[in-house]
Amino acid sequence: MLKREAPRAQSEYVYRRRLKAQELLPAIGVGIGVGALAFYMAYLFLQRTPLEPRELPPAEPKKRLLRGATD
């Protein structure tokens, strides 16, 4: 049978340390910037003029109310 284990080499034990607020600020800033950019692009996309104009219903003239008439 073949052994599929990786060759045993000396490896260092790596652990994750807690990051300080100063070290997190760049990542937080990038996250806020990307979020703002995505929001702005979605806003522009929703506000754009349609490429194929829809047919508008025919405009009706406004009704004029005569003096003393109640509708």
PDB file of N, CA and C in Angstrom:
ATOM      1  N   MET A   1       0.823  -1.182   0.000  1.00  0.00           N
ATOM      2  CA  MET A   1       0.000   0.000   0.000  1.00  0.00           C
ATOM      3  C   MET A   1       0.871   1.250   0.000  1.00  0.00           C
ATOM      4  N   LEU A   2       0.335   2.279  -0.617  1.00  0.00           N
ATOM      5  CA  LEU A   2       1.050   3.545  -0.652  1.00  0.00           C
ATOM      6  C   LEU A   2       0.672   4.385   0.556  1.00  0.00           C
ATOM      7  N   LYS A   3       1.642   5.040   1.096  1.00  0.00           N
ATOM      8  CA  LYS A   3       1.365   5.969   2.187  1.00  0.00           C
ATOM      9  C   LYS A   3       1.170   7.349   1.582  1.00  0.00           C
ATOM     10  N   ARG A   4       0.058   7.973   1.881  1.00  0.00           N
ATOM     11  CA  ARG A   4      -0.238   9.289   1.323  1.00  0.00           C
ATOM     12  C   ARG A   4      -0.012  10.393   2.331  1.00  0.00           C
ATOM     13  N   GLU A   5       0.766  10.155   3.295  1.00  0.00           N
ATOM     14  CA  GLU A   5       1.051  11.185   4.286  1.00  0.00           C
ATOM     15  C   GLU A   5       2.166  12.089   3.788  1.00  0.00           C
ATOM     16  N   ALA A   6       2.096  13.328   4.192  1.00  0.00           N
ATOM     17  CA  ALA A   6       3.147  14.271   3.838  1.00  0.00           C
ATOM     18  C   ALA A   6       4.403  13.889   4.608  1.00  0.00           C
ATOM     19  N   PRO A   7       5.529  14.170   4.027  1.00  0.00           N
ATOM     20  CA  PRO A   7       6.762  13.853   4.755  1.00  0.00           C
ATOM     21  C   PRO A   7       6.812  14.652   6.054  1.00  0.00           C
ATOM     22  N   ARG A   8       7.227  14.002   7.066  1.00  0.00           N
ATOM     23  CA  ARG A   8       7.285  14.654   8.367  1.00  0.00           C
ATOM     24  C   ARG A   8       8.511  15.554   8.438  1.00  0.00           C
ATOM     25  N   ALA A   9       8.211  16.830   8.535  1.00  0.00           N
ATOM     26  CA  ALA A   9       9.286  17.805   8.662  1.00  0.00           C
ATOM     27  C   ALA A   9       9.015  18.609   9.921  1.00  0.00           C
ATOM     28  N   GLN A  10      10.047  19.212  10.415  1.00  0.00           N
ATOM     29  CA  GLN A  10       9.854  20.029  11.601  1.00  0.00           C
ATOM     30  C   GLN A  10       9.067  21.269  11.206  1.00  0.00           C
ATOM     31  N   SER A  11       7.975  21.491  11.888  1.00  0.00           N
ATOM     32  CA  SER A  11       7.158  22.674  11.598  1.00  0.00           C
ATOM     33  C   SER A  11       6.978  23.462  12.878  1.00  0.00           C
ATOM     34  N   GLU A  12       6.835  24.756  12.682  1.00  0.00           N
ATOM     35  CA  GLU A  12       6.630  25.620  13.831  1.00  0.00           C
ATOM     36  C   GLU A  12       5.149  25.651  14.174  1.00  0.00           C
ATOM     37  N   TYR A  13       4.870  25.780  15.422  1.00  0.00           N
ATOM     38  CA  TYR A  13       3.493  25.922  15.857  1.00  0.00           C
ATOM     39  C   TYR A  13       3.089  27.373  15.649  1.00  0.00           C
ATOM     40  N   VAL A  14       2.014  27.590  14.897  1.00  0.00           N
ATOM     41  CA  VAL A  14       1.569  28.939  14.592  1.00  0.00           C
ATOM     42  C   VAL A  14       0.227  29.163  15.277  1.00  0.00           C
ATOM     43  N   TYR A  15       0.112  30.257  15.944  1.00  0.00           N
ATOM     44  CA  TYR A  15      -1.153  30.601  16.581  1.00  0.00           C
ATOM     45  C   TYR A  15      -1.536  32.017  16.186  1.00  0.00           C
ATOM     46  N   ARG A  16      -2.819  32.282  16.271  1.00  0.00           N
ATOM     47  CA  ARG A  16      -3.319  33.611  15.911  1.00  0.00           C
ATOM     48  C   ARG A  16      -3.345  34.478  17.149  1.00  0.00           C
ATOM     49  N   ARG A  17      -2.780  35.634  17.019  1.00  0.00           N
ATOM     50  CA  ARG A  17      -2.779  36.555  18.147  1.00  0.00           C
ATOM     51  C   ARG A  17      -3.910  37.554  17.972  1.00  0.00           C
ATOM     52  N   ARG A  18      -4.343  38.134  19.058  1.00  0.00           N
ATOM     53  CA  ARG A  18      -5.377  39.157  18.992  1.00  0.00           C
ATOM     54  C   ARG A  18      -4.781  40.430  18.403  1.00  0.00           C
ATOM     55  N   LEU A  19      -5.518  41.030  17.479  1.00  0.00           N
ATOM     56  CA  LEU A  19      -5.033  42.242  16.839  1.00  0.00           C
ATOM     57  C   LEU A  19      -5.462  43.462  17.634  1.00  0.00           C
ATOM     58  N   LYS A  20      -4.615  44.443  17.614  1.00  0.00           N
ATOM     59  CA  LYS A  20      -4.930  45.706  18.276  1.00  0.00           C
ATOM     60  C   LYS A  20      -5.797  46.546  17.344  1.00  0.00           C
ATOM     61  N   ALA A  21      -6.463  47.538  17.920  1.00  0.00           N
ATOM     62  CA  ALA A  21      -7.337  48.404  17.119  1.00  0.00           C
ATOM     63  C   ALA A  21      -6.544  49.120  16.031  1.00  0.00           C
ATOM     64  N   GLN A  22      -5.328  49.496  16.325  1.00  0.00           N
ATOM     65  CA  GLN A  22      -4.490  50.199  15.349  1.00  0.00           C
ATOM     66  C   GLN A  22      -4.186  49.300  14.149  1.00  0.00           C
ATOM     67  N   GLU A  23      -4.077  48.018  14.361  1.00  0.00           N
ATOM     68  CA  GLU A  23      -3.799  47.092  13.269  1.00  0.00           C
ATOM     69  C   GLU A  23      -5.065  46.766  12.469  1.00  0.00           C
ATOM     70  N   LEU A  24      -6.221  46.944  13.071  1.00  0.00           N
ATOM     71  CA  LEU A  24      -7.480  46.656  12.384  1.00  0.00           C
ATOM     72  C   LEU A  24      -7.994  47.836  11.564  1.00  0.00           C
ATOM     73  N   LEU A  25      -7.552  49.049  11.872  1.00  0.00           N
ATOM     74  CA  LEU A  25      -8.080  50.239  11.196  1.00  0.00           C
ATOM     75  C   LEU A  25      -7.958  50.193   9.671  1.00  0.00           C
ATOM     76  N   PRO A  26      -6.828  49.789   9.097  1.00  0.00           N
ATOM     77  CA  PRO A  26      -6.766  49.739   7.622  1.00  0.00           C
ATOM     78  C   PRO A  26      -7.800  48.788   7.025  1.00  0.00           C
ATOM     79  N   ALA A  27      -8.004  47.642   7.636  1.00  0.00           N
ATOM     80  CA  ALA A  27      -8.983  46.684   7.113  1.00  0.00           C
ATOM     81  C   ALA A  27     -10.402  47.231   7.246  1.00  0.00           C
ATOM     82  N   ILE A  28     -10.686  47.889   8.359  1.00  0.00           N
ATOM     83  CA  ILE A  28     -12.010  48.483   8.544  1.00  0.00           C
ATOM     84  C   ILE A  28     -12.232  49.594   7.528  1.00  0.00           C
ATOM     85  N   GLY A  29     -11.216  50.415   7.286  1.00  0.00           N
ATOM     86  CA  GLY A  29     -11.323  51.498   6.299  1.00  0.00           C
ATOM     87  C   GLY A  29     -11.568  50.972   4.900  1.00  0.00           C
ATOM     88  N   VAL A  30     -10.876  49.911   4.537  1.00  0.00           N
ATOM     89  CA  VAL A  30     -11.076  49.321   3.204  1.00  0.00           C
ATOM     90  C   VAL A  30     -12.484  48.754   3.101  1.00  0.00           C
ATOM     91  N   GLY A  31     -12.959  48.117   4.147  1.00  0.00           N
ATOM     92  CA  GLY A  31     -14.313  47.567   4.128  1.00  0.00           C
ATOM     93  C   GLY A  31     -15.367  48.645   3.966  1.00  0.00           C
ATOM     94  N   ILE A  32     -15.207  49.746   4.677  1.00  0.00           N
ATOM     95  CA  ILE A  32     -16.163  50.857   4.565  1.00  0.00           C
ATOM     96  C   ILE A  32     -16.082  51.477   3.170  1.00  0.00           C
ATOM     97  N   GLY A  33     -14.876  51.625   2.641  1.00  0.00           N
ATOM     98  CA  GLY A  33     -14.710  52.204   1.306  1.00  0.00           C
ATOM     99  C   GLY A  33     -15.335  51.330   0.221  1.00  0.00           C
ATOM    100  N   VAL A  34     -15.131  50.040   0.300  1.00  0.00           N
ATOM    101  CA  VAL A  34     -15.709  49.126  -0.693  1.00  0.00           C
ATOM    102  C   VAL A  34     -17.232  49.125  -0.578  1.00  0.00           C
ATOM    103  N   GLY A  35     -17.736  49.157   0.636  1.00  0.00           N
ATOM    104  CA  GLY A  35     -19.184  49.209   0.827  1.00  0.00           C
ATOM    105  C   GLY A  35     -19.785  50.485   0.262  1.00  0.00           C
ATOM    106  N   ALA A  36     -19.127  51.617   0.491  1.00  0.00           N
ATOM    107  CA  ALA A  36     -19.623  52.893  -0.035  1.00  0.00           C
ATOM    108  C   ALA A  36     -19.573  52.898  -1.563  1.00  0.00           C
ATOM    109  N   LEU A  37     -18.520  52.353  -2.134  1.00  0.00           N
ATOM    110  CA  LEU A  37     -18.407  52.290  -3.589  1.00  0.00           C
ATOM    111  C   LEU A  37     -19.506  51.402  -4.179  1.00  0.00           C
ATOM    112  N   ALA A  38     -19.766  50.267  -3.567  1.00  0.00           N
ATOM    113  CA  ALA A  38     -20.827  49.379  -4.054  1.00  0.00           C
ATOM    114  C   ALA A  38     -22.190  50.053  -3.950  1.00  0.00           C
ATOM    115  N   PHE A  39     -22.425  50.762  -2.849  1.00  0.00           N
ATOM    116  CA  PHE A  39     -23.694  51.474  -2.692  1.00  0.00           C
ATOM    117  C   PHE A  39     -23.847  52.540  -3.770  1.00  0.00           C
ATOM    118  N   TYR A  40     -22.791  53.295  -4.039  1.00  0.00           N
ATOM    119  CA  TYR A  40     -22.841  54.357  -5.043  1.00  0.00           C
ATOM    120  C   TYR A  40     -23.083  53.782  -6.439  1.00  0.00           C
ATOM    121  N   MET A  41     -22.416  52.686  -6.761  1.00  0.00           N
ATOM    122  CA  MET A  41     -22.596  52.072  -8.076  1.00  0.00           C
ATOM    123  C   MET A  41     -24.016  51.526  -8.229  1.00  0.00           C
ATOM    124  N   ALA A  42     -24.571  50.939  -7.183  1.00  0.00           N
ATOM    125  CA  ALA A  42     -25.950  50.457  -7.239  1.00  0.00           C
ATOM    126  C   ALA A  42     -26.905  51.627  -7.394  1.00  0.00           C
ATOM    127  N   TYR A  43     -26.637  52.720  -6.710  1.00  0.00           N
ATOM    128  CA  TYR A  43     -27.463  53.929  -6.812  1.00  0.00           C
ATOM    129  C   TYR A  43     -27.449  54.462  -8.249  1.00  0.00           C
ATOM    130  N   LEU A  44     -26.265  54.531  -8.857  1.00  0.00           N
ATOM    131  CA  LEU A  44     -26.168  55.005 -10.241  1.00  0.00           C
ATOM    132  C   LEU A  44     -26.872  54.053 -11.199  1.00  0.00           C
ATOM    133  N   PHE A  45     -26.740  52.767 -10.960  1.00  0.00           N
ATOM    134  CA  PHE A  45     -27.370  51.778 -11.830  1.00  0.00           C
ATOM    135  C   PHE A  45     -28.892  51.902 -11.777  1.00  0.00           C
ATOM    136  N   LEU A  46     -29.432  52.140 -10.602  1.00  0.00           N
ATOM    137  CA  LEU A  46     -30.879  52.263 -10.461  1.00  0.00           C
ATOM    138  C   LEU A  46     -31.400  53.586 -11.018  1.00  0.00           C
ATOM    139  N   GLN A  47     -30.562  54.611 -11.085  1.00  0.00           N
ATOM    140  CA  GLN A  47     -30.988  55.921 -11.555  1.00  0.00           C
ATOM    141  C   GLN A  47     -30.776  56.121 -13.057  1.00  0.00           C
ATOM    142  N   ARG A  48     -30.186  55.160 -13.721  1.00  0.00           N
ATOM    143  CA  ARG A  48     -29.843  55.356 -15.136  1.00  0.00           C
ATOM    144  C   ARG A  48     -31.087  55.426 -16.010  1.00  0.00           C
ATOM    145  N   THR A  49     -30.947  56.017 -17.169  1.00  0.00           N
ATOM    146  CA  THR A  49     -32.034  56.117 -18.133  1.00  0.00           C
ATOM    147  C   THR A  49     -32.174  54.771 -18.835  1.00  0.00           C
ATOM    148  N   PRO A  50     -33.395  54.252 -18.962  1.00  0.00           N
ATOM    149  CA  PRO A  50     -33.563  52.969 -19.654  1.00  0.00           C
ATOM    150  C   PRO A  50     -33.147  53.072 -21.118  1.00  0.00           C
ATOM    151  N   LEU A  51     -32.605  51.995 -21.650  1.00  0.00           N
ATOM    152  CA  LEU A  51     -32.173  52.000 -23.044  1.00  0.00           C
ATOM    153  C   LEU A  51     -33.364  51.932 -23.996  1.00  0.00           C
ATOM    154  N   GLU A  52     -34.403  51.210 -23.601  1.00  0.00           N
ATOM    155  CA  GLU A  52     -35.602  51.118 -24.424  1.00  0.00           C
ATOM    156  C   GLU A  52     -36.724  51.869 -23.710  1.00  0.00           C
ATOM    157  N   PRO A  53     -37.111  53.012 -24.235  1.00  0.00           N
ATOM    158  CA  PRO A  53     -38.157  53.778 -23.549  1.00  0.00           C
ATOM    159  C   PRO A  53     -39.489  53.037 -23.585  1.00  0.00           C
ATOM    160  N   ARG A  54     -40.190  53.072 -22.486  1.00  0.00           N
ATOM    161  CA  ARG A  54     -41.510  52.449 -22.414  1.00  0.00           C
ATOM    162  C   ARG A  54     -42.527  53.390 -23.035  1.00  0.00           C
ATOM    163  N   GLU A  55     -43.624  52.816 -23.489  1.00  0.00           N
ATOM    164  CA  GLU A  55     -44.684  53.655 -24.044  1.00  0.00           C
ATOM    165  C   GLU A  55     -45.445  54.284 -22.888  1.00  0.00           C
ATOM    166  N   LEU A  56     -45.590  55.586 -22.950  1.00  0.00           N
ATOM    167  CA  LEU A  56     -46.315  56.306 -21.919  1.00  0.00           C
ATOM    168  C   LEU A  56     -47.788  56.383 -22.304  1.00  0.00           C
ATOM    169  N   PRO A  57     -48.661  56.345 -21.331  1.00  0.00           N
ATOM    170  CA  PRO A  57     -50.081  56.488 -21.668  1.00  0.00           C
ATOM    171  C   PRO A  57     -50.328  57.893 -22.218  1.00  0.00           C
ATOM    172  N   PRO A  58     -51.312  58.028 -23.094  1.00  0.00           N
ATOM    173  CA  PRO A  58     -51.582  59.353 -23.668  1.00  0.00           C
ATOM    174  C   PRO A  58     -51.997  60.331 -22.581  1.00  0.00           C
ATOM    175  N   ALA A  59     -51.492  61.527 -22.697  1.00  0.00           N
ATOM    176  CA  ALA A  59     -51.795  62.551 -21.700  1.00  0.00           C
ATOM    177  C   ALA A  59     -53.196  63.093 -21.944  1.00  0.00           C
ATOM    178  N   GLU A  60     -53.964  63.194 -20.880  1.00  0.00           N
ATOM    179  CA  GLU A  60     -55.309  63.748 -20.981  1.00  0.00           C
ATOM    180  C   GLU A  60     -55.262  65.206 -20.548  1.00  0.00           C
ATOM    181  N   PRO A  61     -56.028  66.054 -21.220  1.00  0.00           N
ATOM    182  CA  PRO A  61     -56.032  67.463 -20.786  1.00  0.00           C
ATOM    183  C   PRO A  61     -56.671  67.582 -19.402  1.00  0.00           C
ATOM    184  N   LYS A  62     -56.203  68.541 -18.635  1.00  0.00           N
ATOM    185  CA  LYS A  62     -56.752  68.750 -17.299  1.00  0.00           C
ATOM    186  C   LYS A  62     -58.185  69.247 -17.409  1.00  0.00           C
ATOM    187  N   LYS A  63     -58.993  68.772 -16.490  1.00  0.00           N
ATOM    188  CA  LYS A  63     -60.386  69.224 -16.468  1.00  0.00           C
ATOM    189  C   LYS A  63     -60.443  70.609 -15.834  1.00  0.00           C
ATOM    190  N   ARG A  64     -61.228  71.472 -16.444  1.00  0.00           N
ATOM    191  CA  ARG A  64     -61.398  72.805 -15.889  1.00  0.00           C
ATOM    192  C   ARG A  64     -62.682  72.815 -15.069  1.00  0.00           C
ATOM    193  N   LEU A  65     -62.567  73.293 -13.880  1.00  0.00           N
ATOM    194  CA  LEU A  65     -63.736  73.417 -13.035  1.00  0.00           C
ATOM    195  C   LEU A  65     -64.404  74.752 -13.318  1.00  0.00           C
ATOM    196  N   LEU A  66     -65.683  74.697 -13.544  1.00  0.00           N
ATOM    197  CA  LEU A  66     -66.421  75.930 -13.775  1.00  0.00           C
ATOM    198  C   LEU A  66     -66.806  76.519 -12.437  1.00  0.00           C
ATOM    199  N   ARG A  67     -67.033  77.807 -12.447  1.00  0.00           N
ATOM    200  CA  ARG A  67     -67.384  78.503 -11.221  1.00  0.00           C
ATOM    201  C   ARG A  67     -68.704  77.958 -10.668  1.00  0.00           C
ATOM    202  N   GLY A  68     -68.673  77.511  -9.406  1.00  0.00           N
ATOM    203  CA  GLY A  68     -69.877  77.015  -8.768  1.00  0.00           C
ATOM    204  C   GLY A  68     -70.134  75.539  -9.010  1.00  0.00           C
ATOM    205  N   ALA A  69     -69.357  74.892  -9.853  1.00  0.00           N
ATOM    206  CA  ALA A  69     -69.562  73.469 -10.123  1.00  0.00           C
ATOM    207  C   ALA A  69     -68.909  72.641  -9.022  1.00  0.00           C
ATOM    208  N   THR A  70     -69.595  71.611  -8.617  1.00  0.00           N
ATOM    209  CA  THR A  70     -69.025  70.693  -7.615  1.00  0.00           C
ATOM    210  C   THR A  70     -69.025  69.306  -8.226  1.00  0.00           C
ATOM    211  N   ASP A  71     -67.875  68.726  -8.297  1.00  0.00           N
ATOM    212  CA  ASP A  71     -67.730  67.369  -8.851  1.00  0.00           C
ATOM    213  C   ASP A  71     -67.402  66.399  -7.779  1.00  0.00           C
TER     214      ASP A  71
END
